[in-house]
Amino acid sequence: MAGGVPDFVSVPLDTMIEVEDGDRITVMAEGSWGNSSDLTFGPGGNQYENIANGYPGAGMPVAALIGRVGDGSWFYVGTGMTGTVSGSGLFTLAFNDTDYGNNWGT
């Protein structure tokens, strides 16, 4: 834990895409992932449950695709998004979860 916020159990995906403040990006996502409890989600995540405060992606759907630029704040990506980024750095993607140890994905 750094600064009282739990670290991701899994390393987020570094897209190797460098973006600059003000760049416009488009992301489209498909596929599914789930856990050992036979729960399956798409990139939009579980629209009925949000990640608890204190975790990266707090307030966004559990199991949703999220992104960030550099060390900036995480933002919701879901099945896709187009927007202007604030901040500069590497564009990173992750699935919004608090326990990656029981997951699978395609």
Protein backbone atom coordinates (compact mmCIF):
# COMPACT_ATOMS: atom_id res chain seq x y z
CA MET A 1 0.00 0.00 0.00
CA ALA A 2 1.24 3.44 -0.91
CA GLY A 3 -0.22 6.42 0.90
CA GLY A 4 -3.01 4.28 2.42
CA VAL A 5 -4.37 3.19 -0.98
CA PRO A 6 -4.13 -0.55 -1.78
CA ASP A 7 -1.96 -1.39 -4.78
CA PHE A 8 -3.40 -3.37 -7.70
CA VAL A 9 -2.84 -7.08 -7.18
CA SER A 10 -2.08 -7.34 -10.90
CA VAL A 11 0.11 -5.04 -12.97
CA PRO A 12 -2.03 -2.85 -15.28
CA LEU A 13 -1.41 -3.09 -19.03
CA ASP A 14 1.07 -0.54 -20.34
CA THR A 15 -0.20 0.14 -23.86
CA MET A 16 3.21 1.62 -24.77
CA ILE A 17 1.31 4.63 -26.15
CA GLU A 18 2.75 7.96 -25.06
CA VAL A 19 0.18 10.78 -24.94
CA GLU A 20 0.53 14.52 -24.40
CA ASP A 21 -1.75 16.84 -22.48
CA GLY A 22 -4.67 17.76 -24.77
CA ASP A 23 -4.32 14.74 -27.10
CA ARG A 24 -7.60 13.20 -28.22
CA ILE A 25 -7.79 9.41 -27.80
CA THR A 26 -10.32 6.78 -28.82
CA VAL A 27 -10.51 3.34 -27.19
CA MET A 28 -12.79 0.47 -28.28
CA ALA A 29 -12.91 -2.67 -26.15
CA GLU A 30 -14.54 -6.09 -26.39
CA GLY A 31 -14.14 -9.47 -24.78
CA SER A 32 -14.99 -10.92 -21.42
CA TRP A 33 -13.41 -11.74 -18.13
CA GLY A 34 -14.64 -13.43 -15.01
CA ASN A 35 -13.70 -15.14 -11.81
CA SER A 36 -13.83 -18.54 -10.17
CA SER A 37 -17.39 -17.84 -8.95
CA ASP A 38 -18.63 -18.11 -12.56
CA LEU A 39 -19.26 -14.38 -12.81
CA THR A 40 -18.54 -13.02 -16.30
CA PHE A 41 -18.24 -9.38 -17.34
CA GLY A 42 -17.52 -7.36 -20.46
CA PRO A 43 -15.43 -4.19 -20.47
CA GLY A 44 -18.40 -2.19 -19.11
CA GLY A 45 -18.15 -4.10 -15.84
CA ASN A 46 -20.88 -4.77 -13.30
CA GLN A 47 -23.26 -1.83 -13.60
CA TYR A 48 -24.89 -2.77 -10.26
CA GLU A 49 -21.79 -2.59 -8.05
CA ASN A 50 -19.08 0.05 -7.74
CA ILE A 51 -15.55 -0.26 -6.37
CA ALA A 52 -15.32 0.88 -2.75
CA ASN A 53 -13.59 4.08 -1.69
CA GLY A 54 -9.88 3.67 -0.99
CA TYR A 55 -9.22 1.60 -4.13
CA PRO A 56 -8.11 2.76 -7.59
CA GLY A 57 -11.24 3.32 -9.68
CA ALA A 58 -13.42 4.01 -6.62
CA GLY A 59 -17.01 4.80 -7.58
CA MET A 60 -16.66 3.16 -11.01
CA PRO A 61 -18.24 -0.22 -11.83
CA VAL A 62 -16.53 -3.35 -10.51
CA ALA A 63 -14.85 -5.31 -13.33
CA ALA A 64 -14.91 -2.33 -15.73
CA LEU A 65 -12.07 -1.39 -18.06
CA ILE A 66 -10.39 1.75 -16.69
CA GLY A 67 -7.47 3.83 -17.92
CA ARG A 68 -5.06 6.53 -16.86
CA VAL A 69 -2.33 8.73 -18.28
CA GLY A 70 1.03 8.65 -16.50
CA ASP A 71 0.47 8.74 -12.74
CA GLY A 72 -2.86 10.56 -13.15
CA SER A 73 -6.25 9.51 -11.85
CA TRP A 74 -8.03 6.44 -13.19
CA PHE A 75 -11.02 7.09 -15.48
CA TYR A 76 -13.79 4.88 -16.84
CA VAL A 77 -13.23 3.42 -20.34
CA GLY A 78 -15.79 0.60 -20.46
CA THR A 79 -16.64 -0.62 -23.96
CA GLY A 80 -15.18 2.52 -25.44
CA MET A 81 -14.54 6.18 -25.07
CA THR A 82 -13.32 9.19 -26.97
CA GLY A 83 -11.93 12.12 -25.10
CA THR A 84 -9.19 14.63 -24.54
CA VAL A 85 -6.55 13.58 -22.03
CA SER A 86 -5.19 15.76 -19.29
CA GLY A 87 -1.63 15.14 -18.35
CA SER A 88 1.19 13.54 -20.28
CA GLY A 89 2.73 10.09 -20.08
CA LEU A 90 2.07 6.48 -20.92
CA PHE A 91 -1.56 5.41 -21.43
CA THR A 92 -2.36 2.46 -19.15
CA LEU A 93 -5.40 0.15 -19.00
CA ALA A 94 -6.64 -2.11 -16.18
CA PHE A 95 -9.75 -3.93 -15.02
CA ASN A 96 -11.34 -2.38 -11.96
CA ASP A 97 -11.13 -5.06 -9.28
CA THR A 98 -9.89 -5.52 -5.73
CA ASP A 99 -8.75 -9.17 -6.10
CA TYR A 100 -7.16 -10.28 -9.39
CA GLY A 101 -6.10 -13.67 -8.00
CA ASN A 102 -9.27 -15.50 -9.09
CA ASN A 103 -9.76 -14.04 -12.59
CA TRP A 104 -9.51 -15.20 -16.21
CA GLY A 105 -9.96 -13.23 -19.43
CA THR A 106 -10.10 -13.21 -23.23
